[in-house]
Amino acid sequence: MTRPNEATVDLLRAWHGGDRAALLELVDRDRDWVFARVRKGRGPILQREAETVDHVQDLMLEVLEYSPRFLVRDRAQFRALVARMIDNLLIDGARRAARRPRFASPPTAVSGQDSIVSLDPALRVSDAVHERVAQAEELDWLRLGLEFLDDDERKVVRAHRLLGRSFVEIGEELGVDPNTMRMRCNRAVLRLAGIVRRLQSGGLDALLAERGDRGEAGSE
């Protein structure tokens, strides 16, 4: 069933509720815009990538199925955030192919099926949440915040905080001593904490704009 006038947030809620048709509609609606943005923004590390519209469609499905479940205010926020996730996915994949670090990993499934991160404060509910859900939501905020770290910061924080790799392991892979790696990670974690606070206070648009990712809203 096609619902061309349904708002982005309603489609996201339907998808989170198990309506796969809503997911496919989101992807079909915005894949051309996301494809154009990914092609426009790719840097030297992606020059060998030969993505097509179909490839970007597959990547959209991948990031939406494996990323934390989120709600955003409008279409512009949705597609700009998805384009950023795909950029990061392509960059990380290209680096893994070139270096094959030991701490590389496939996408991880969402941390909690009951957790939905609302990137617009107006969309949040104030009901008390079970402790397990609260912990899952905290991890989801961190994973979303990672999308706005620089590539090297994202790689190190993910390796240490999410994959549990030691600074010795990561340092050996990158040719950096453990103490230096620890300091780099600590600085990145501080930046990540600031990013998460901004996301939680409704700062998604500003973060996207700083990265040049904010697109035109388009019709809902």
N, C-alpha and C. Protein backbone atom coordinates (compact mmCIF):
# COMPACT_ATOMS: atom_id res chain seq x y z
N MET A 1 0.85 -1.20 0.00
CA MET A 1 0.00 0.00 0.00
C MET A 1 0.88 1.24 0.00
N THR A 2 0.61 2.16 -0.92
CA THR A 2 1.42 3.37 -1.02
C THR A 2 0.79 4.49 -0.20
N ARG A 3 1.60 5.19 0.58
CA ARG A 3 1.11 6.26 1.43
C ARG A 3 1.97 7.50 1.20
N PRO A 4 1.88 8.12 0.01
CA PRO A 4 2.82 9.18 -0.35
C PRO A 4 2.77 10.38 0.57
N ASN A 5 1.65 10.63 1.23
CA ASN A 5 1.53 11.83 2.05
C ASN A 5 1.73 11.56 3.54
N GLU A 6 2.10 10.34 3.88
CA GLU A 6 2.29 10.02 5.28
C GLU A 6 3.61 10.61 5.78
N ALA A 7 3.58 11.19 6.96
CA ALA A 7 4.75 11.86 7.50
C ALA A 7 5.85 10.85 7.80
N THR A 8 7.09 11.33 7.73
CA THR A 8 8.25 10.47 8.00
C THR A 8 8.15 9.81 9.36
N VAL A 9 7.79 10.58 10.38
CA VAL A 9 7.75 10.01 11.73
C VAL A 9 6.71 8.90 11.82
N ASP A 10 5.60 9.02 11.09
CA ASP A 10 4.58 7.97 11.11
C ASP A 10 5.09 6.71 10.42
N LEU A 11 5.82 6.87 9.32
CA LEU A 11 6.40 5.72 8.64
C LEU A 11 7.44 5.04 9.52
N LEU A 12 8.25 5.84 10.22
CA LEU A 12 9.25 5.25 11.12
C LEU A 12 8.58 4.49 12.26
N ARG A 13 7.53 5.06 12.82
CA ARG A 13 6.82 4.36 13.90
C ARG A 13 6.21 3.06 13.39
N ALA A 14 5.66 3.10 12.17
CA ALA A 14 5.09 1.88 11.60
C ALA A 14 6.17 0.82 11.39
N TRP A 15 7.34 1.25 10.90
CA TRP A 15 8.45 0.31 10.69
C TRP A 15 8.90 -0.27 12.02
N HIS A 16 9.05 0.55 13.03
CA HIS A 16 9.47 0.06 14.34
C HIS A 16 8.43 -0.87 14.95
N GLY A 17 7.18 -0.70 14.52
CA GLY A 17 6.12 -1.58 15.00
C GLY A 17 6.00 -2.87 14.21
N GLY A 18 6.89 -3.08 13.24
CA GLY A 18 6.90 -4.33 12.50
C GLY A 18 6.36 -4.25 11.08
N ASP A 19 6.01 -3.06 10.61
CA ASP A 19 5.47 -2.90 9.26
C ASP A 19 6.62 -2.71 8.27
N ARG A 20 7.05 -3.81 7.66
CA ARG A 20 8.18 -3.72 6.73
C ARG A 20 7.84 -2.89 5.50
N ALA A 21 6.57 -2.86 5.13
CA ALA A 21 6.18 -2.04 3.98
C ALA A 21 6.51 -0.57 4.22
N ALA A 22 6.42 -0.13 5.47
CA ALA A 22 6.77 1.26 5.79
C ALA A 22 8.26 1.50 5.59
N LEU A 23 9.08 0.52 5.98
CA LEU A 23 10.53 0.63 5.75
C LEU A 23 10.82 0.74 4.26
N LEU A 24 10.22 -0.14 3.47
CA LEU A 24 10.47 -0.13 2.03
C LEU A 24 10.00 1.17 1.40
N GLU A 25 8.92 1.73 1.93
CA GLU A 25 8.43 3.00 1.41
C GLU A 25 9.41 4.14 1.70
N LEU A 26 9.95 4.15 2.90
CA LEU A 26 10.96 5.16 3.24
C LEU A 26 12.16 5.07 2.30
N VAL A 27 12.62 3.86 2.07
CA VAL A 27 13.79 3.65 1.22
C VAL A 27 13.47 4.06 -0.21
N ASP A 28 12.34 3.61 -0.73
CA ASP A 28 11.96 3.93 -2.11
C ASP A 28 11.77 5.44 -2.29
N ARG A 29 11.22 6.08 -1.29
CA ARG A 29 10.94 7.52 -1.38
C ARG A 29 12.21 8.35 -1.48
N ASP A 30 13.25 7.98 -0.71
CA ASP A 30 14.42 8.85 -0.57
C ASP A 30 15.71 8.29 -1.15
N ARG A 31 15.65 7.15 -1.83
CA ARG A 31 16.90 6.54 -2.29
C ARG A 31 17.61 7.41 -3.32
N ASP A 32 16.86 8.08 -4.22
CA ASP A 32 17.52 8.91 -5.23
C ASP A 32 18.25 10.09 -4.59
N TRP A 33 17.62 10.72 -3.60
CA TRP A 33 18.27 11.83 -2.91
C TRP A 33 19.51 11.34 -2.17
N VAL A 34 19.39 10.24 -1.46
CA VAL A 34 20.52 9.70 -0.70
C VAL A 34 21.64 9.31 -1.66
N PHE A 35 21.29 8.70 -2.79
CA PHE A 35 22.30 8.32 -3.79
C PHE A 35 23.07 9.55 -4.26
N ALA A 36 22.33 10.62 -4.60
CA ALA A 36 22.99 11.84 -5.09
C ALA A 36 23.89 12.44 -4.02
N ARG A 37 23.44 12.43 -2.75
CA ARG A 37 24.25 12.99 -1.68
C ARG A 37 25.50 12.17 -1.43
N VAL A 38 25.37 10.86 -1.45
CA VAL A 38 26.53 9.99 -1.24
C VAL A 38 27.54 10.18 -2.36
N ARG A 39 27.06 10.25 -3.61
CA ARG A 39 27.96 10.46 -4.74
C ARG A 39 28.66 11.82 -4.65
N LYS A 40 27.93 12.83 -4.23
CA LYS A 40 28.49 14.18 -4.15
C LYS A 40 29.53 14.30 -3.06
N GLY A 41 29.30 13.64 -1.94
CA GLY A 41 30.14 13.85 -0.78
C GLY A 41 31.30 12.90 -0.63
N ARG A 42 31.41 11.90 -1.49
CA ARG A 42 32.45 10.89 -1.26
C ARG A 42 33.84 11.48 -1.51
N GLY A 43 34.77 11.11 -0.64
CA GLY A 43 36.13 11.61 -0.72
C GLY A 43 37.07 10.64 -1.39
N PRO A 44 38.39 10.91 -1.30
CA PRO A 44 39.38 10.06 -1.98
C PRO A 44 39.31 8.60 -1.56
N ILE A 45 38.95 8.35 -0.31
CA ILE A 45 38.94 6.96 0.14
C ILE A 45 37.86 6.14 -0.54
N LEU A 46 36.86 6.83 -1.12
CA LEU A 46 35.76 6.13 -1.77
C LEU A 46 35.85 6.18 -3.29
N GLN A 47 36.94 6.67 -3.83
CA GLN A 47 37.01 6.84 -5.28
C GLN A 47 36.86 5.53 -6.04
N ARG A 48 37.24 4.41 -5.39
CA ARG A 48 37.13 3.13 -6.09
C ARG A 48 35.76 2.49 -5.90
N GLU A 49 34.91 3.10 -5.07
CA GLU A 49 33.58 2.55 -4.86
C GLU A 49 32.72 2.84 -6.09
N ALA A 50 32.03 1.85 -6.57
CA ALA A 50 31.19 2.00 -7.76
C ALA A 50 29.73 1.82 -7.38
N GLU A 51 29.27 2.60 -6.38
CA GLU A 51 27.90 2.41 -5.92
C GLU A 51 26.91 2.85 -6.99
N THR A 52 25.79 2.17 -7.04
CA THR A 52 24.69 2.50 -7.93
C THR A 52 23.47 2.80 -7.07
N VAL A 53 22.39 3.21 -7.73
CA VAL A 53 21.16 3.46 -6.98
C VAL A 53 20.72 2.19 -6.26
N ASP A 54 20.82 1.04 -6.94
CA ASP A 54 20.43 -0.22 -6.30
C ASP A 54 21.33 -0.53 -5.11
N HIS A 55 22.63 -0.26 -5.26
CA HIS A 55 23.56 -0.50 -4.15
C HIS A 55 23.21 0.39 -2.96
N VAL A 56 22.94 1.66 -3.23
CA VAL A 56 22.58 2.58 -2.16
C VAL A 56 21.26 2.15 -1.51
N GLN A 57 20.34 1.64 -2.30
CA GLN A 57 19.09 1.12 -1.72
C GLN A 57 19.39 -0.01 -0.74
N ASP A 58 20.28 -0.92 -1.13
CA ASP A 58 20.66 -2.01 -0.22
C ASP A 58 21.33 -1.47 1.04
N LEU A 59 22.17 -0.44 0.87
CA LEU A 59 22.85 0.15 2.03
C LEU A 59 21.85 0.85 2.95
N MET A 60 20.84 1.49 2.37
CA MET A 60 19.80 2.11 3.20
C MET A 60 19.09 1.06 4.04
N LEU A 61 18.75 -0.06 3.42
CA LEU A 61 18.11 -1.14 4.16
C LEU A 61 19.03 -1.65 5.27
N GLU A 62 20.32 -1.75 4.96
CA GLU A 62 21.28 -2.26 5.95
C GLU A 62 21.37 -1.33 7.16
N VAL A 63 21.54 -0.03 6.90
CA VAL A 63 21.71 0.87 8.05
C VAL A 63 20.41 1.00 8.85
N LEU A 64 19.28 0.94 8.18
CA LEU A 64 18.02 1.07 8.91
C LEU A 64 17.69 -0.20 9.70
N GLU A 65 18.14 -1.34 9.21
CA GLU A 65 17.86 -2.59 9.91
C GLU A 65 18.84 -2.84 11.05
N TYR A 66 20.07 -2.32 10.94
CA TYR A 66 21.09 -2.62 11.94
C TYR A 66 21.42 -1.44 12.85
N SER A 67 21.00 -0.24 12.49
CA SER A 67 21.26 0.91 13.35
C SER A 67 20.24 0.93 14.49
N PRO A 68 20.52 1.73 15.53
CA PRO A 68 19.49 1.92 16.56
C PRO A 68 18.19 2.43 15.93
N ARG A 69 17.07 2.00 16.48
CA ARG A 69 15.79 2.49 15.97
C ARG A 69 15.60 3.94 16.44
N PHE A 70 15.35 4.82 15.48
CA PHE A 70 15.27 6.24 15.81
C PHE A 70 14.02 6.88 15.22
N LEU A 71 13.63 8.00 15.81
CA LEU A 71 12.58 8.86 15.28
C LEU A 71 13.17 10.23 15.02
N VAL A 72 12.80 10.84 13.90
CA VAL A 72 13.23 12.20 13.58
C VAL A 72 12.01 13.04 13.24
N ARG A 73 12.20 14.35 13.21
CA ARG A 73 11.08 15.25 13.03
C ARG A 73 10.52 15.25 11.61
N ASP A 74 11.41 15.17 10.61
CA ASP A 74 10.93 15.36 9.25
C ASP A 74 11.79 14.60 8.24
N ARG A 75 11.40 14.72 7.00
CA ARG A 75 12.07 14.01 5.91
C ARG A 75 13.52 14.45 5.75
N ALA A 76 13.77 15.75 5.90
CA ALA A 76 15.13 16.25 5.72
C ALA A 76 16.08 15.64 6.74
N GLN A 77 15.65 15.58 8.00
CA GLN A 77 16.49 14.96 9.03
C GLN A 77 16.72 13.49 8.71
N PHE A 78 15.66 12.81 8.30
CA PHE A 78 15.76 11.37 8.03
C PHE A 78 16.79 11.07 6.95
N ARG A 79 16.63 11.70 5.79
CA ARG A 79 17.50 11.30 4.69
C ARG A 79 18.93 11.82 4.87
N ALA A 80 19.09 12.97 5.54
CA ALA A 80 20.45 13.45 5.80
C ALA A 80 21.17 12.52 6.78
N LEU A 81 20.46 12.05 7.81
CA LEU A 81 21.07 11.13 8.77
C LEU A 81 21.41 9.80 8.12
N VAL A 82 20.51 9.28 7.29
CA VAL A 82 20.77 8.02 6.60
C VAL A 82 21.95 8.16 5.65
N ALA A 83 22.04 9.28 4.94
CA ALA A 83 23.18 9.50 4.04
C ALA A 83 24.49 9.52 4.82
N ARG A 84 24.49 10.15 6.01
CA ARG A 84 25.71 10.17 6.85
C ARG A 84 26.07 8.76 7.28
N MET A 85 25.09 7.97 7.68
CA MET A 85 25.36 6.59 8.09
C MET A 85 25.97 5.79 6.94
N ILE A 86 25.46 5.99 5.72
CA ILE A 86 25.98 5.26 4.57
C ILE A 86 27.40 5.72 4.25
N ASP A 87 27.65 7.02 4.31
CA ASP A 87 29.02 7.52 4.11
C ASP A 87 29.99 6.82 5.07
N ASN A 88 29.61 6.77 6.34
CA ASN A 88 30.48 6.14 7.34
C ASN A 88 30.64 4.65 7.07
N LEU A 89 29.56 4.00 6.66
CA LEU A 89 29.63 2.57 6.35
C LEU A 89 30.59 2.30 5.19
N LEU A 90 30.52 3.13 4.15
CA LEU A 90 31.41 2.97 3.00
C LEU A 90 32.86 3.25 3.37
N ILE A 91 33.09 4.30 4.14
CA ILE A 91 34.45 4.63 4.56
C ILE A 91 35.04 3.52 5.41
N ASP A 92 34.26 3.05 6.39
CA ASP A 92 34.76 1.98 7.26
C ASP A 92 35.02 0.71 6.47
N GLY A 93 34.14 0.41 5.51
CA GLY A 93 34.32 -0.78 4.68
C GLY A 93 35.56 -0.69 3.81
N ALA A 94 35.80 0.50 3.23
CA ALA A 94 36.98 0.68 2.39
C ALA A 94 38.26 0.53 3.21
N ARG A 95 38.25 1.05 4.43
CA ARG A 95 39.44 0.92 5.28
C ARG A 95 39.65 -0.52 5.72
N ARG A 96 38.57 -1.22 6.01
CA ARG A 96 38.73 -2.63 6.38
C ARG A 96 39.31 -3.41 5.23
N ALA A 97 38.84 -3.13 4.01
CA ALA A 97 39.35 -3.85 2.85
C ALA A 97 40.82 -3.57 2.62
N ALA A 98 41.24 -2.33 2.92
CA ALA A 98 42.63 -1.96 2.69
C ALA A 98 43.57 -2.47 3.78
N ARG A 99 43.08 -2.47 5.03
CA ARG A 99 43.96 -2.79 6.14
C ARG A 99 43.60 -4.08 6.86
N ARG A 100 42.32 -4.48 6.76
CA ARG A 100 41.82 -5.66 7.45
C ARG A 100 42.25 -5.69 8.91
N PRO A 101 41.91 -4.66 9.70
CA PRO A 101 42.32 -4.66 11.11
C PRO A 101 41.64 -5.77 11.88
N ARG A 102 42.27 -6.18 12.94
CA ARG A 102 41.73 -7.28 13.74
C ARG A 102 40.43 -6.90 14.41
N PHE A 103 40.24 -5.58 14.65
CA PHE A 103 39.02 -5.22 15.36
C PHE A 103 37.89 -4.87 14.41
N ALA A 104 38.02 -5.20 13.11
CA ALA A 104 36.91 -4.99 12.19
C ALA A 104 35.76 -5.90 12.57
N SER A 105 34.55 -5.45 12.31
CA SER A 105 33.40 -6.26 12.65
C SER A 105 32.26 -5.96 11.70
N PRO A 106 31.36 -6.93 11.48
CA PRO A 106 30.17 -6.66 10.68
C PRO A 106 29.22 -5.79 11.46
N PRO A 107 28.16 -5.27 10.80
CA PRO A 107 27.20 -4.47 11.54
C PRO A 107 26.61 -5.25 12.69
N THR A 108 26.37 -4.57 13.80
CA THR A 108 25.76 -5.22 14.95
C THR A 108 24.28 -4.91 14.98
N ALA A 109 23.51 -5.88 15.41
CA ALA A 109 22.07 -5.69 15.46
C ALA A 109 21.72 -4.65 16.51
N VAL A 110 20.53 -4.11 16.42
CA VAL A 110 20.10 -3.13 17.40
C VAL A 110 20.17 -3.73 18.78
N SER A 111 20.49 -2.88 19.77
CA SER A 111 20.78 -3.39 21.10
C SER A 111 19.54 -3.82 21.86
N GLY A 112 18.40 -3.23 21.57
CA GLY A 112 17.21 -3.61 22.29
C GLY A 112 15.97 -3.36 21.47
N GLN A 113 15.14 -4.38 21.27
CA GLN A 113 13.98 -4.23 20.42
C GLN A 113 12.94 -3.28 21.02
N ASP A 114 13.02 -3.00 22.32
CA ASP A 114 12.07 -2.10 22.95
C ASP A 114 12.56 -0.66 22.98
N SER A 115 13.76 -0.42 22.51
CA SER A 115 14.36 0.91 22.60
C SER A 115 14.21 1.66 21.29
N ILE A 116 13.63 2.87 21.36
CA ILE A 116 13.53 3.76 20.20
C ILE A 116 14.07 5.12 20.63
N VAL A 117 15.08 5.61 19.92
CA VAL A 117 15.70 6.88 20.24
C VAL A 117 15.00 7.99 19.47
N SER A 118 14.43 8.96 20.19
CA SER A 118 13.75 10.09 19.56
C SER A 118 14.72 11.26 19.47
N LEU A 119 15.11 11.62 18.25
CA LEU A 119 16.07 12.70 18.04
C LEU A 119 15.40 14.07 18.06
N ASP A 120 14.09 14.10 18.15
CA ASP A 120 13.34 15.34 18.37
C ASP A 120 12.71 15.23 19.76
N PRO A 121 13.10 16.11 20.71
CA PRO A 121 12.56 16.00 22.07
C PRO A 121 11.04 15.97 22.13
N ALA A 122 10.38 16.62 21.15
CA ALA A 122 8.91 16.66 21.17
C ALA A 122 8.29 15.29 20.92
N LEU A 123 9.08 14.35 20.39
CA LEU A 123 8.55 13.02 20.08
C LEU A 123 8.72 12.04 21.22
N ARG A 124 9.37 12.47 22.31
CA ARG A 124 9.66 11.54 23.40
C ARG A 124 8.48 11.38 24.33
N VAL A 125 8.43 10.19 24.95
CA VAL A 125 7.40 9.94 25.96
C VAL A 125 8.06 9.96 27.33
N SER A 126 7.29 10.29 28.34
CA SER A 126 7.85 10.45 29.67
C SER A 126 7.56 9.26 30.58
N ASP A 127 6.97 8.19 30.03
CA ASP A 127 6.65 7.03 30.86
C ASP A 127 7.91 6.43 31.45
N ALA A 128 7.79 5.84 32.63
CA ALA A 128 8.93 5.14 33.24
C ALA A 128 9.31 3.96 32.37
N VAL A 129 10.61 3.75 32.22
CA VAL A 129 11.09 2.68 31.35
C VAL A 129 11.78 1.61 32.18
N HIS A 130 11.62 0.39 31.75
CA HIS A 130 12.30 -0.73 32.41
C HIS A 130 13.81 -0.53 32.32
N GLU A 131 14.55 -0.97 33.33
CA GLU A 131 16.00 -0.76 33.38
C GLU A 131 16.69 -1.31 32.14
N ARG A 132 16.25 -2.47 31.67
CA ARG A 132 16.88 -3.07 30.49
C ARG A 132 16.71 -2.17 29.28
N VAL A 133 15.53 -1.59 29.13
CA VAL A 133 15.27 -0.70 28.00
C VAL A 133 16.12 0.57 28.13
N ALA A 134 16.24 1.10 29.35
CA ALA A 134 17.05 2.30 29.56
C ALA A 134 18.50 2.05 29.19
N GLN A 135 19.03 0.89 29.55
CA GLN A 135 20.41 0.57 29.21
C GLN A 135 20.57 0.44 27.70
N ALA A 136 19.60 -0.19 27.05
CA ALA A 136 19.66 -0.33 25.59
C ALA A 136 19.60 1.04 24.92
N GLU A 137 18.77 1.93 25.46
CA GLU A 137 18.66 3.26 24.88
C GLU A 137 19.96 4.03 25.04
N GLU A 138 20.64 3.89 26.18
CA GLU A 138 21.92 4.56 26.38
C GLU A 138 22.94 4.11 25.33
N LEU A 139 22.98 2.81 25.07
CA LEU A 139 23.89 2.29 24.05
C LEU A 139 23.51 2.82 22.67
N ASP A 140 22.21 2.90 22.40
CA ASP A 140 21.76 3.40 21.10
C ASP A 140 22.15 4.87 20.90
N TRP A 141 22.07 5.67 21.95
CA TRP A 141 22.51 7.06 21.84
C TRP A 141 23.99 7.12 21.48
N LEU A 142 24.80 6.27 22.12
CA LEU A 142 26.23 6.24 21.83
C LEU A 142 26.47 5.85 20.38
N ARG A 143 25.75 4.85 19.91
CA ARG A 143 25.95 4.38 18.53
C ARG A 143 25.54 5.44 17.52
N LEU A 144 24.48 6.18 17.80
CA LEU A 144 24.10 7.27 16.91
C LEU A 144 25.12 8.40 16.97
N GLY A 145 25.62 8.69 18.16
CA GLY A 145 26.63 9.73 18.29
C GLY A 145 27.90 9.41 17.53
N LEU A 146 28.24 8.13 17.44
CA LEU A 146 29.44 7.72 16.69
C LEU A 146 29.39 8.19 15.25
N GLU A 147 28.19 8.32 14.68
CA GLU A 147 28.06 8.72 13.28
C GLU A 147 28.61 10.13 13.04
N PHE A 148 28.77 10.91 14.11
CA PHE A 148 29.22 12.30 13.96
C PHE A 148 30.66 12.51 14.42
N LEU A 149 31.34 11.45 14.81
CA LEU A 149 32.77 11.55 15.09
C LEU A 149 33.56 11.50 13.79
N ASP A 150 34.80 12.01 13.83
CA ASP A 150 35.69 11.84 12.69
C ASP A 150 35.97 10.35 12.49
N ASP A 151 36.41 10.00 11.29
CA ASP A 151 36.57 8.59 10.94
C ASP A 151 37.50 7.86 11.91
N ASP A 152 38.67 8.45 12.20
CA ASP A 152 39.63 7.78 13.08
C ASP A 152 39.09 7.67 14.51
N GLU A 153 38.41 8.71 14.97
CA GLU A 153 37.82 8.67 16.31
C GLU A 153 36.75 7.58 16.39
N ARG A 154 35.92 7.52 15.38
CA ARG A 154 34.84 6.53 15.37
C ARG A 154 35.40 5.12 15.42
N LYS A 155 36.46 4.89 14.66
CA LYS A 155 37.05 3.56 14.60
C LYS A 155 37.61 3.14 15.95
N VAL A 156 38.32 4.05 16.61
CA VAL A 156 38.96 3.71 17.89
C VAL A 156 37.93 3.52 18.99
N VAL A 157 36.94 4.42 19.06
CA VAL A 157 35.92 4.29 20.10
C VAL A 157 35.12 3.01 19.91
N ARG A 158 34.75 2.72 18.68
CA ARG A 158 33.99 1.49 18.42
C ARG A 158 34.80 0.27 18.82
N ALA A 159 36.09 0.27 18.47
CA ALA A 159 36.93 -0.89 18.78
C ALA A 159 37.05 -1.09 20.28
N HIS A 160 37.25 0.00 21.03
CA HIS A 160 37.49 -0.14 22.47
C HIS A 160 36.19 -0.25 23.27
N ARG A 161 35.23 0.66 23.02
CA ARG A 161 34.05 0.72 23.86
C ARG A 161 32.98 -0.28 23.47
N LEU A 162 32.83 -0.55 22.16
CA LEU A 162 31.77 -1.45 21.73
C LEU A 162 32.25 -2.88 21.51
N LEU A 163 33.49 -3.02 21.02
CA LEU A 163 34.01 -4.36 20.75
C LEU A 163 34.90 -4.89 21.85
N GLY A 164 35.26 -4.03 22.82
CA GLY A 164 36.03 -4.49 23.97
C GLY A 164 37.49 -4.77 23.70
N ARG A 165 38.05 -4.21 22.62
CA ARG A 165 39.47 -4.41 22.31
C ARG A 165 40.34 -3.56 23.25
N SER A 166 41.49 -4.08 23.59
CA SER A 166 42.40 -3.36 24.48
C SER A 166 43.17 -2.30 23.70
N PHE A 167 43.72 -1.33 24.44
CA PHE A 167 44.54 -0.30 23.79
C PHE A 167 45.80 -0.91 23.20
N VAL A 168 46.28 -1.98 23.79
CA VAL A 168 47.46 -2.67 23.24
C VAL A 168 47.13 -3.23 21.86
N GLU A 169 46.00 -3.93 21.75
CA GLU A 169 45.60 -4.51 20.46
C GLU A 169 45.41 -3.43 19.40
N ILE A 170 44.65 -2.40 19.77
CA ILE A 170 44.37 -1.34 18.80
C ILE A 170 45.65 -0.62 18.41
N GLY A 171 46.50 -0.35 19.39
CA GLY A 171 47.76 0.34 19.11
C GLY A 171 48.67 -0.46 18.20
N GLU A 172 48.74 -1.77 18.42
CA GLU A 172 49.56 -2.63 17.55
C GLU A 172 49.05 -2.57 16.12
N GLU A 173 47.74 -2.58 15.96
CA GLU A 173 47.16 -2.55 14.62
C GLU A 173 47.47 -1.24 13.89
N LEU A 174 47.47 -0.14 14.65
CA LEU A 174 47.65 1.18 14.04
C LEU A 174 49.07 1.71 14.15
N GLY A 175 49.95 0.95 14.80
CA GLY A 175 51.32 1.39 14.96
C GLY A 175 51.48 2.52 15.95
N VAL A 176 50.66 2.51 17.01
CA VAL A 176 50.68 3.56 18.02
C VAL A 176 50.83 2.90 19.39
N ASP A 177 51.60 3.53 20.29
CA ASP A 177 51.78 2.91 21.61
C ASP A 177 50.48 3.00 22.41
N PRO A 178 50.27 2.07 23.36
CA PRO A 178 49.01 2.00 24.09
C PRO A 178 48.63 3.28 24.84
N ASN A 179 49.61 3.96 25.43
CA ASN A 179 49.29 5.18 26.18
C ASN A 179 48.76 6.28 25.26
N THR A 180 49.38 6.41 24.09
CA THR A 180 48.89 7.38 23.12
C THR A 180 47.49 7.01 22.66
N MET A 181 47.28 5.71 22.43
CA MET A 181 45.96 5.25 22.00
C MET A 181 44.91 5.52 23.07
N ARG A 182 45.28 5.32 24.34
CA ARG A 182 44.35 5.59 25.44
C ARG A 182 43.96 7.07 25.46
N MET A 183 44.93 7.96 25.29
CA MET A 183 44.64 9.39 25.30
C MET A 183 43.74 9.77 24.12
N ARG A 184 44.03 9.20 22.95
CA ARG A 184 43.19 9.48 21.78
C ARG A 184 41.76 9.02 22.02
N CYS A 185 41.63 7.84 22.58
CA CYS A 185 40.30 7.30 22.84
C CYS A 185 39.56 8.16 23.87
N ASN A 186 40.25 8.56 24.92
CA ASN A 186 39.61 9.38 25.95
C ASN A 186 39.13 10.71 25.38
N ARG A 187 39.94 11.32 24.51
CA ARG A 187 39.52 12.58 23.89
C ARG A 187 38.29 12.35 23.00
N ALA A 188 38.32 11.25 22.26
CA ALA A 188 37.19 10.95 21.38
C ALA A 188 35.92 10.67 22.18
N VAL A 189 36.07 9.98 23.31
CA VAL A 189 34.90 9.69 24.16
C VAL A 189 34.31 10.98 24.73
N LEU A 190 35.16 11.93 25.09
CA LEU A 190 34.67 13.22 25.57
C LEU A 190 33.89 13.93 24.47
N ARG A 191 34.42 13.89 23.25
CA ARG A 191 33.69 14.50 22.12
C ARG A 191 32.38 13.78 21.89
N LEU A 192 32.41 12.45 21.98
CA LEU A 192 31.20 11.67 21.79
C LEU A 192 30.14 12.03 22.83
N ALA A 193 30.56 12.20 24.07
CA ALA A 193 29.61 12.58 25.13
C ALA A 193 28.95 13.92 24.81
N GLY A 194 29.74 14.86 24.30
CA GLY A 194 29.18 16.15 23.92
C GLY A 194 28.20 16.03 22.77
N ILE A 195 28.52 15.18 21.80
CA ILE A 195 27.62 14.96 20.66
C ILE A 195 26.31 14.35 21.13
N VAL A 196 26.40 13.36 22.01
CA VAL A 196 25.18 12.71 22.52
C VAL A 196 24.31 13.72 23.26
N ARG A 197 24.93 14.59 24.07
CA ARG A 197 24.14 15.61 24.77
C ARG A 197 23.43 16.52 23.77
N ARG A 198 24.11 16.87 22.69
CA ARG A 198 23.47 17.72 21.68
C ARG A 198 22.32 16.99 20.99
N LEU A 199 22.51 15.72 20.67
CA LEU A 199 21.43 14.95 20.06
C LEU A 199 20.24 14.85 21.00
N GLN A 200 20.50 14.61 22.27
CA GLN A 200 19.41 14.46 23.24
C GLN A 200 18.66 15.77 23.46
N SER A 201 19.32 16.90 23.22
CA SER A 201 18.66 18.19 23.41
C SER A 201 18.06 18.73 22.11
N GLY A 202 17.99 17.88 21.08
CA GLY A 202 17.37 18.29 19.82
C GLY A 202 18.31 18.95 18.84
N GLY A 203 19.61 18.70 18.96
CA GLY A 203 20.59 19.37 18.11
C GLY A 203 20.95 18.64 16.83
N LEU A 204 20.10 17.74 16.35
CA LEU A 204 20.43 16.97 15.15
C LEU A 204 20.66 17.88 13.95
N ASP A 205 19.77 18.85 13.73
CA ASP A 205 19.93 19.74 12.57
C ASP A 205 21.28 20.45 12.58
N ALA A 206 21.69 20.94 13.74
CA ALA A 206 22.96 21.66 13.82
C ALA A 206 24.13 20.73 13.53
N LEU A 207 24.09 19.52 14.04
CA LEU A 207 25.17 18.56 13.78
C LEU A 207 25.22 18.20 12.30
N LEU A 208 24.07 18.00 11.68
CA LEU A 208 24.04 17.70 10.25
C LEU A 208 24.56 18.88 9.44
N ALA A 209 24.18 20.09 9.84
CA ALA A 209 24.62 21.28 9.11
C ALA A 209 26.13 21.46 9.21
N GLU A 210 26.70 21.17 10.38
CA GLU A 210 28.15 21.30 10.55
C GLU A 210 28.90 20.37 9.61
N ARG A 211 28.29 19.24 9.28
CA ARG A 211 28.91 18.27 8.37
C ARG A 211 28.47 18.48 6.93
N GLY A 212 27.63 19.49 6.69
CA GLY A 212 27.13 19.73 5.34
C GLY A 212 26.15 18.69 4.88
N ASP A 213 25.45 18.05 5.83
CA ASP A 213 24.55 16.95 5.48
C ASP A 213 23.09 17.35 5.44
N ARG A 214 22.74 18.52 5.90
CA ARG A 214 21.33 18.89 6.00
C ARG A 214 20.78 19.17 4.62
N GLY A 215 19.70 18.48 4.24
CA GLY A 215 19.11 18.65 2.92
C GLY A 215 17.80 19.41 2.97
N GLU A 216 17.25 19.70 1.80
CA GLU A 216 15.95 20.36 1.75
C GLU A 216 14.89 19.40 2.26
N ALA A 217 13.89 19.95 2.92
CA ALA A 217 12.91 19.11 3.58
C ALA A 217 12.10 18.29 2.61
N GLY A 218 11.67 18.87 1.51
CA GLY A 218 10.81 18.14 0.59
C GLY A 218 9.44 17.95 1.20
N SER A 219 8.54 17.37 0.43
CA SER A 219 7.18 17.16 0.93
C SER A 219 7.12 15.92 1.77
N GLU A 220 6.27 15.97 2.79
CA GLU A 220 6.04 14.81 3.63
C GLU A 220 4.92 13.98 3.04
